[in-house]
Amino acid sequence: MTTLQSRPPLFVTQDEHDRLLDLAYTALGREPGAHTLIEELTRAQVGIEAPPEIVRMHDRVTFNYDGSAYRDFALVFPNEADISARRISVLTQVGAMLLGLRPGQSIAWTGPDGRDHLLKIEQVSRD
C-alpha cells in the first residue's frame, strides 16, 4: 500500500479506466502495483478523449525515477512487459504512477517498503 504524498492531477480515457480497473482488481494480492493502480484510477479525471500529451497505454515515455533517467520506455499491460525491451507493466508501482501524467509533472509516494520515491515525466510520444 502506498502513502499519498504529492500526486498531481491525472487524466485517463473512459475505455482505459474501465479496462485497467478490472485488471487491477483481478490482480490484487498478486501484482505489486495493483493497489496503487486502483488508487490512481480512483482519483483520475476520466473522459472520452485524452489530451495528446498525457501518458496512455503503449505510449513511449522518458522519465526520471529516484534520480535515474529512463529513456523511451513503453507503458504496457502485464503480459507485454519486458524490462530488457523497455516495456514496463502498468501493474508495477512505477507503471501505475506513469499513467495519466504530462511532461513536467512529478509524483511522489511512499512505497510498501516505507521508502520514498519520486518520478518526473520528461517526454511522451505515441506510436
N, C-alpha and C. Protein backbone atom coordinates (compact mmCIF):
# COMPACT_ATOMS: atom_id res chain seq x y z
N MET A 1 0.84 -1.18 0.00
CA MET A 1 0.00 0.00 0.00
C MET A 1 0.89 1.25 0.00
N THR A 2 0.53 2.22 -0.77
CA THR A 2 1.31 3.45 -0.83
C THR A 2 0.68 4.50 0.05
N THR A 3 1.50 5.46 0.45
CA THR A 3 1.01 6.60 1.20
C THR A 3 0.97 7.78 0.26
N LEU A 4 -0.15 8.47 0.20
CA LEU A 4 -0.26 9.64 -0.65
C LEU A 4 0.66 10.73 -0.14
N GLN A 5 1.49 11.27 -1.01
CA GLN A 5 2.37 12.37 -0.64
C GLN A 5 2.09 13.54 -1.55
N SER A 6 2.57 13.46 -2.77
CA SER A 6 2.41 14.55 -3.72
C SER A 6 1.96 13.95 -5.04
N ARG A 7 0.69 14.08 -5.32
CA ARG A 7 0.15 13.47 -6.53
C ARG A 7 -0.58 14.52 -7.35
N PRO A 8 -0.04 14.82 -8.52
CA PRO A 8 -0.66 15.83 -9.39
C PRO A 8 -1.93 15.27 -10.04
N PRO A 9 -2.73 16.15 -10.63
CA PRO A 9 -3.92 15.68 -11.36
C PRO A 9 -3.50 14.75 -12.50
N LEU A 10 -4.35 13.78 -12.80
CA LEU A 10 -4.09 12.91 -13.94
C LEU A 10 -5.37 12.67 -14.71
N PHE A 11 -5.22 12.29 -15.98
CA PHE A 11 -6.35 12.09 -16.87
C PHE A 11 -6.25 10.70 -17.49
N VAL A 12 -7.38 10.01 -17.59
CA VAL A 12 -7.45 8.68 -18.20
C VAL A 12 -8.72 8.63 -19.05
N THR A 13 -8.63 7.99 -20.21
CA THR A 13 -9.83 7.83 -21.03
C THR A 13 -10.77 6.81 -20.37
N GLN A 14 -12.06 6.92 -20.67
CA GLN A 14 -13.04 6.01 -20.09
C GLN A 14 -12.72 4.55 -20.42
N ASP A 15 -12.35 4.28 -21.68
CA ASP A 15 -12.03 2.91 -22.09
C ASP A 15 -10.86 2.34 -21.29
N GLU A 16 -9.77 3.12 -21.17
CA GLU A 16 -8.61 2.65 -20.42
C GLU A 16 -8.94 2.53 -18.94
N HIS A 17 -9.69 3.47 -18.41
CA HIS A 17 -10.06 3.44 -17.00
C HIS A 17 -10.78 2.14 -16.66
N ASP A 18 -11.81 1.80 -17.43
CA ASP A 18 -12.60 0.61 -17.15
C ASP A 18 -11.76 -0.66 -17.27
N ARG A 19 -10.99 -0.76 -18.34
CA ARG A 19 -10.16 -1.96 -18.57
C ARG A 19 -9.09 -2.10 -17.48
N LEU A 20 -8.43 -1.00 -17.13
CA LEU A 20 -7.37 -1.05 -16.13
C LEU A 20 -7.90 -1.30 -14.73
N LEU A 21 -9.06 -0.76 -14.42
CA LEU A 21 -9.65 -1.00 -13.10
C LEU A 21 -10.00 -2.48 -12.94
N ASP A 22 -10.59 -3.08 -13.98
CA ASP A 22 -10.87 -4.53 -13.95
C ASP A 22 -9.58 -5.32 -13.77
N LEU A 23 -8.55 -4.95 -14.52
CA LEU A 23 -7.25 -5.63 -14.44
C LEU A 23 -6.67 -5.52 -13.03
N ALA A 24 -6.71 -4.34 -12.45
CA ALA A 24 -6.12 -4.12 -11.13
C ALA A 24 -6.86 -4.92 -10.05
N TYR A 25 -8.19 -4.91 -10.09
CA TYR A 25 -8.94 -5.68 -9.09
C TYR A 25 -8.68 -7.17 -9.22
N THR A 26 -8.53 -7.65 -10.44
CA THR A 26 -8.23 -9.06 -10.67
C THR A 26 -6.84 -9.42 -10.15
N ALA A 27 -5.92 -8.48 -10.20
CA ALA A 27 -4.52 -8.73 -9.82
C ALA A 27 -4.21 -8.44 -8.35
N LEU A 28 -5.17 -7.92 -7.59
CA LEU A 28 -4.92 -7.59 -6.18
C LEU A 28 -4.33 -8.81 -5.45
N GLY A 29 -3.27 -8.57 -4.71
CA GLY A 29 -2.62 -9.64 -3.95
C GLY A 29 -1.59 -10.42 -4.74
N ARG A 30 -1.58 -10.26 -6.06
CA ARG A 30 -0.62 -10.98 -6.91
C ARG A 30 0.38 -10.08 -7.60
N GLU A 31 -0.01 -8.85 -7.87
CA GLU A 31 0.85 -7.90 -8.58
C GLU A 31 1.17 -6.74 -7.66
N PRO A 32 2.45 -6.31 -7.61
CA PRO A 32 2.87 -5.30 -6.64
C PRO A 32 2.21 -3.93 -6.79
N GLY A 33 1.82 -3.56 -7.99
CA GLY A 33 1.24 -2.23 -8.19
C GLY A 33 -0.26 -2.20 -8.34
N ALA A 34 -0.94 -3.32 -8.12
CA ALA A 34 -2.40 -3.36 -8.33
C ALA A 34 -3.12 -2.37 -7.43
N HIS A 35 -2.78 -2.34 -6.16
CA HIS A 35 -3.45 -1.41 -5.24
C HIS A 35 -3.14 0.03 -5.62
N THR A 36 -1.90 0.29 -6.01
CA THR A 36 -1.51 1.64 -6.43
C THR A 36 -2.29 2.06 -7.66
N LEU A 37 -2.45 1.15 -8.62
CA LEU A 37 -3.21 1.47 -9.83
C LEU A 37 -4.66 1.79 -9.48
N ILE A 38 -5.25 1.05 -8.57
CA ILE A 38 -6.63 1.33 -8.14
C ILE A 38 -6.70 2.73 -7.52
N GLU A 39 -5.74 3.06 -6.65
CA GLU A 39 -5.71 4.40 -6.04
C GLU A 39 -5.65 5.49 -7.11
N GLU A 40 -4.76 5.30 -8.09
CA GLU A 40 -4.59 6.31 -9.13
C GLU A 40 -5.84 6.42 -10.00
N LEU A 41 -6.43 5.32 -10.37
CA LEU A 41 -7.63 5.35 -11.21
C LEU A 41 -8.81 5.96 -10.46
N THR A 42 -8.87 5.77 -9.16
CA THR A 42 -9.96 6.32 -8.36
C THR A 42 -9.91 7.85 -8.33
N ARG A 43 -8.72 8.41 -8.33
CA ARG A 43 -8.60 9.87 -8.26
C ARG A 43 -8.47 10.52 -9.64
N ALA A 44 -8.41 9.73 -10.70
CA ALA A 44 -8.22 10.26 -12.05
C ALA A 44 -9.45 11.00 -12.58
N GLN A 45 -9.18 12.00 -13.40
CA GLN A 45 -10.24 12.63 -14.18
C GLN A 45 -10.45 11.71 -15.39
N VAL A 46 -11.67 11.32 -15.63
CA VAL A 46 -11.98 10.35 -16.69
C VAL A 46 -12.78 11.05 -17.78
N GLY A 47 -12.42 10.82 -19.03
CA GLY A 47 -13.12 11.42 -20.15
C GLY A 47 -13.08 10.54 -21.38
N ILE A 48 -13.78 10.95 -22.41
CA ILE A 48 -13.84 10.16 -23.64
C ILE A 48 -12.55 10.26 -24.44
N GLU A 49 -12.01 11.47 -24.57
CA GLU A 49 -10.77 11.67 -25.31
C GLU A 49 -9.71 12.24 -24.37
N ALA A 50 -8.48 11.80 -24.57
CA ALA A 50 -7.38 12.26 -23.72
C ALA A 50 -6.60 13.36 -24.42
N PRO A 51 -6.09 14.30 -23.65
CA PRO A 51 -5.17 15.27 -24.24
C PRO A 51 -3.97 14.52 -24.84
N PRO A 52 -3.41 15.03 -25.92
CA PRO A 52 -2.36 14.28 -26.63
C PRO A 52 -1.07 14.10 -25.83
N GLU A 53 -0.81 14.93 -24.84
CA GLU A 53 0.48 14.88 -24.15
C GLU A 53 0.49 13.98 -22.91
N ILE A 54 -0.61 13.37 -22.53
CA ILE A 54 -0.62 12.55 -21.33
C ILE A 54 -0.13 11.13 -21.63
N VAL A 55 0.35 10.45 -20.61
CA VAL A 55 0.82 9.07 -20.75
C VAL A 55 -0.38 8.14 -20.76
N ARG A 56 -0.48 7.38 -21.87
CA ARG A 56 -1.53 6.37 -22.03
C ARG A 56 -0.86 5.03 -22.26
N MET A 57 -1.66 3.99 -22.28
CA MET A 57 -1.13 2.66 -22.54
C MET A 57 -0.44 2.63 -23.91
N HIS A 58 0.70 1.98 -23.95
CA HIS A 58 1.54 1.79 -25.13
C HIS A 58 2.30 3.04 -25.56
N ASP A 59 2.16 4.14 -24.83
CA ASP A 59 2.97 5.32 -25.13
C ASP A 59 4.41 5.07 -24.72
N ARG A 60 5.32 5.79 -25.39
CA ARG A 60 6.74 5.77 -25.05
C ARG A 60 6.99 6.96 -24.12
N VAL A 61 7.69 6.72 -23.02
CA VAL A 61 7.89 7.73 -22.00
C VAL A 61 9.36 7.83 -21.62
N THR A 62 9.84 9.05 -21.49
CA THR A 62 11.14 9.33 -20.91
C THR A 62 10.87 9.97 -19.57
N PHE A 63 11.49 9.44 -18.51
CA PHE A 63 11.22 9.93 -17.17
C PHE A 63 12.43 9.73 -16.26
N ASN A 64 12.41 10.43 -15.15
CA ASN A 64 13.40 10.24 -14.09
C ASN A 64 12.69 9.58 -12.93
N TYR A 65 13.33 8.56 -12.37
CA TYR A 65 12.77 7.85 -11.23
C TYR A 65 13.86 7.71 -10.17
N ASP A 66 13.64 8.31 -9.04
CA ASP A 66 14.59 8.26 -7.92
C ASP A 66 16.01 8.61 -8.36
N GLY A 67 16.13 9.62 -9.22
CA GLY A 67 17.44 10.12 -9.63
C GLY A 67 18.05 9.43 -10.83
N SER A 68 17.40 8.42 -11.37
CA SER A 68 17.91 7.71 -12.56
C SER A 68 17.03 8.03 -13.76
N ALA A 69 17.68 8.19 -14.92
CA ALA A 69 16.96 8.51 -16.16
C ALA A 69 16.56 7.23 -16.88
N TYR A 70 15.33 7.21 -17.35
CA TYR A 70 14.79 6.10 -18.14
C TYR A 70 14.30 6.68 -19.45
N ARG A 71 14.88 6.27 -20.56
CA ARG A 71 14.57 6.84 -21.86
C ARG A 71 13.80 5.87 -22.74
N ASP A 72 12.70 6.38 -23.30
CA ASP A 72 11.95 5.64 -24.30
C ASP A 72 11.43 4.28 -23.81
N PHE A 73 10.74 4.29 -22.68
CA PHE A 73 10.10 3.09 -22.14
C PHE A 73 8.62 3.12 -22.49
N ALA A 74 8.05 1.95 -22.79
CA ALA A 74 6.63 1.85 -23.11
C ALA A 74 5.86 1.39 -21.87
N LEU A 75 4.69 1.99 -21.64
CA LEU A 75 3.79 1.55 -20.58
C LEU A 75 2.85 0.51 -21.19
N VAL A 76 2.88 -0.72 -20.64
CA VAL A 76 2.17 -1.83 -21.27
C VAL A 76 1.37 -2.65 -20.25
N PHE A 77 0.54 -3.54 -20.78
CA PHE A 77 -0.18 -4.49 -19.95
C PHE A 77 0.79 -5.57 -19.46
N PRO A 78 0.47 -6.23 -18.34
CA PRO A 78 1.42 -7.18 -17.73
C PRO A 78 1.94 -8.27 -18.69
N ASN A 79 1.09 -8.79 -19.54
CA ASN A 79 1.52 -9.85 -20.46
C ASN A 79 2.49 -9.35 -21.54
N GLU A 80 2.62 -8.04 -21.69
CA GLU A 80 3.52 -7.45 -22.68
C GLU A 80 4.83 -6.95 -22.05
N ALA A 81 4.91 -6.98 -20.73
CA ALA A 81 6.04 -6.39 -20.02
C ALA A 81 7.33 -7.16 -20.26
N ASP A 82 8.41 -6.42 -20.43
CA ASP A 82 9.75 -6.97 -20.59
C ASP A 82 10.72 -5.82 -20.38
N ILE A 83 11.29 -5.73 -19.19
CA ILE A 83 12.13 -4.59 -18.84
C ILE A 83 13.35 -4.50 -19.75
N SER A 84 13.87 -5.64 -20.23
CA SER A 84 15.03 -5.60 -21.13
C SER A 84 14.67 -5.00 -22.49
N ALA A 85 13.38 -5.02 -22.84
CA ALA A 85 12.90 -4.42 -24.09
C ALA A 85 12.28 -3.05 -23.82
N ARG A 86 12.47 -2.53 -22.62
CA ARG A 86 11.97 -1.22 -22.21
C ARG A 86 10.44 -1.15 -22.22
N ARG A 87 9.81 -2.21 -21.71
CA ARG A 87 8.35 -2.24 -21.58
C ARG A 87 8.00 -2.48 -20.11
N ILE A 88 7.37 -1.48 -19.49
CA ILE A 88 7.03 -1.51 -18.07
C ILE A 88 5.55 -1.80 -17.89
N SER A 89 5.24 -2.77 -17.04
CA SER A 89 3.85 -3.11 -16.75
C SER A 89 3.17 -2.02 -15.95
N VAL A 90 1.93 -1.76 -16.29
CA VAL A 90 1.10 -0.81 -15.55
C VAL A 90 0.78 -1.34 -14.15
N LEU A 91 1.04 -2.62 -13.90
CA LEU A 91 0.79 -3.20 -12.58
C LEU A 91 2.04 -3.22 -11.71
N THR A 92 3.05 -2.41 -12.06
CA THR A 92 4.17 -2.16 -11.16
C THR A 92 3.93 -0.81 -10.51
N GLN A 93 4.62 -0.53 -9.42
CA GLN A 93 4.49 0.78 -8.77
C GLN A 93 4.81 1.89 -9.75
N VAL A 94 5.93 1.77 -10.46
CA VAL A 94 6.34 2.82 -11.40
C VAL A 94 5.34 2.93 -12.54
N GLY A 95 4.91 1.81 -13.10
CA GLY A 95 3.95 1.83 -14.20
C GLY A 95 2.65 2.50 -13.81
N ALA A 96 2.14 2.18 -12.63
CA ALA A 96 0.90 2.79 -12.16
C ALA A 96 1.05 4.29 -11.99
N MET A 97 2.23 4.73 -11.57
CA MET A 97 2.46 6.17 -11.36
C MET A 97 2.66 6.93 -12.67
N LEU A 98 3.09 6.27 -13.73
CA LEU A 98 3.27 6.93 -15.03
C LEU A 98 1.93 7.30 -15.68
N LEU A 99 0.94 6.46 -15.50
CA LEU A 99 -0.34 6.59 -16.18
C LEU A 99 -1.00 7.95 -15.94
N GLY A 100 -1.39 8.59 -17.03
CA GLY A 100 -2.20 9.80 -16.95
C GLY A 100 -1.47 11.09 -16.68
N LEU A 101 -0.13 11.05 -16.55
CA LEU A 101 0.64 12.27 -16.27
C LEU A 101 1.10 12.93 -17.56
N ARG A 102 1.54 14.20 -17.44
CA ARG A 102 2.01 15.01 -18.57
C ARG A 102 3.49 15.34 -18.37
N PRO A 103 4.19 15.67 -19.45
CA PRO A 103 5.57 16.12 -19.30
C PRO A 103 5.66 17.30 -18.33
N GLY A 104 6.66 17.25 -17.47
CA GLY A 104 6.86 18.29 -16.47
C GLY A 104 6.24 17.95 -15.13
N GLN A 105 5.30 17.02 -15.09
CA GLN A 105 4.68 16.66 -13.83
C GLN A 105 5.57 15.68 -13.05
N SER A 106 5.55 15.84 -11.74
CA SER A 106 6.26 14.93 -10.83
C SER A 106 5.24 14.30 -9.90
N ILE A 107 5.57 13.12 -9.43
CA ILE A 107 4.71 12.44 -8.47
C ILE A 107 5.61 11.79 -7.42
N ALA A 108 5.24 11.95 -6.16
CA ALA A 108 6.00 11.39 -5.05
C ALA A 108 5.10 10.48 -4.23
N TRP A 109 5.67 9.40 -3.71
CA TRP A 109 4.90 8.47 -2.89
C TRP A 109 5.85 7.67 -2.00
N THR A 110 5.27 7.06 -0.99
CA THR A 110 6.00 6.13 -0.14
C THR A 110 5.54 4.74 -0.51
N GLY A 111 6.50 3.89 -0.86
CA GLY A 111 6.18 2.53 -1.29
C GLY A 111 5.86 1.62 -0.13
N PRO A 112 5.46 0.40 -0.43
CA PRO A 112 5.10 -0.57 0.61
C PRO A 112 6.26 -0.89 1.55
N ASP A 113 7.49 -0.66 1.07
CA ASP A 113 8.68 -0.92 1.88
C ASP A 113 9.04 0.26 2.78
N GLY A 114 8.23 1.35 2.72
CA GLY A 114 8.48 2.52 3.54
C GLY A 114 9.44 3.53 2.92
N ARG A 115 9.97 3.23 1.74
CA ARG A 115 10.90 4.15 1.07
C ARG A 115 10.13 5.18 0.26
N ASP A 116 10.66 6.41 0.25
CA ASP A 116 10.08 7.49 -0.55
C ASP A 116 10.59 7.40 -1.98
N HIS A 117 9.71 7.71 -2.92
CA HIS A 117 10.05 7.65 -4.34
C HIS A 117 9.59 8.94 -5.02
N LEU A 118 10.30 9.30 -6.08
CA LEU A 118 9.96 10.47 -6.88
C LEU A 118 10.12 10.14 -8.35
N LEU A 119 9.11 10.46 -9.13
CA LEU A 119 9.12 10.21 -10.57
C LEU A 119 8.73 11.51 -11.27
N LYS A 120 9.45 11.84 -12.34
CA LYS A 120 9.13 13.04 -13.11
C LYS A 120 9.08 12.67 -14.59
N ILE A 121 7.98 13.06 -15.25
CA ILE A 121 7.81 12.81 -16.69
C ILE A 121 8.58 13.86 -17.48
N GLU A 122 9.40 13.41 -18.40
CA GLU A 122 10.17 14.31 -19.25
C GLU A 122 9.54 14.46 -20.64
N GLN A 123 9.17 13.32 -21.24
CA GLN A 123 8.65 13.34 -22.61
C GLN A 123 7.71 12.16 -22.83
N VAL A 124 6.69 12.38 -23.65
CA VAL A 124 5.73 11.34 -24.02
C VAL A 124 5.61 11.32 -25.53
N SER A 125 5.65 10.12 -26.11
CA SER A 125 5.43 10.01 -27.55
C SER A 125 4.51 8.82 -27.80
N ARG A 126 3.72 8.96 -28.81
CA ARG A 126 2.73 7.94 -29.18
C ARG A 126 3.15 7.34 -30.51
N ASP A 127 3.14 6.02 -30.59
CA ASP A 127 3.48 5.34 -31.85
C ASP A 127 2.39 5.50 -32.88
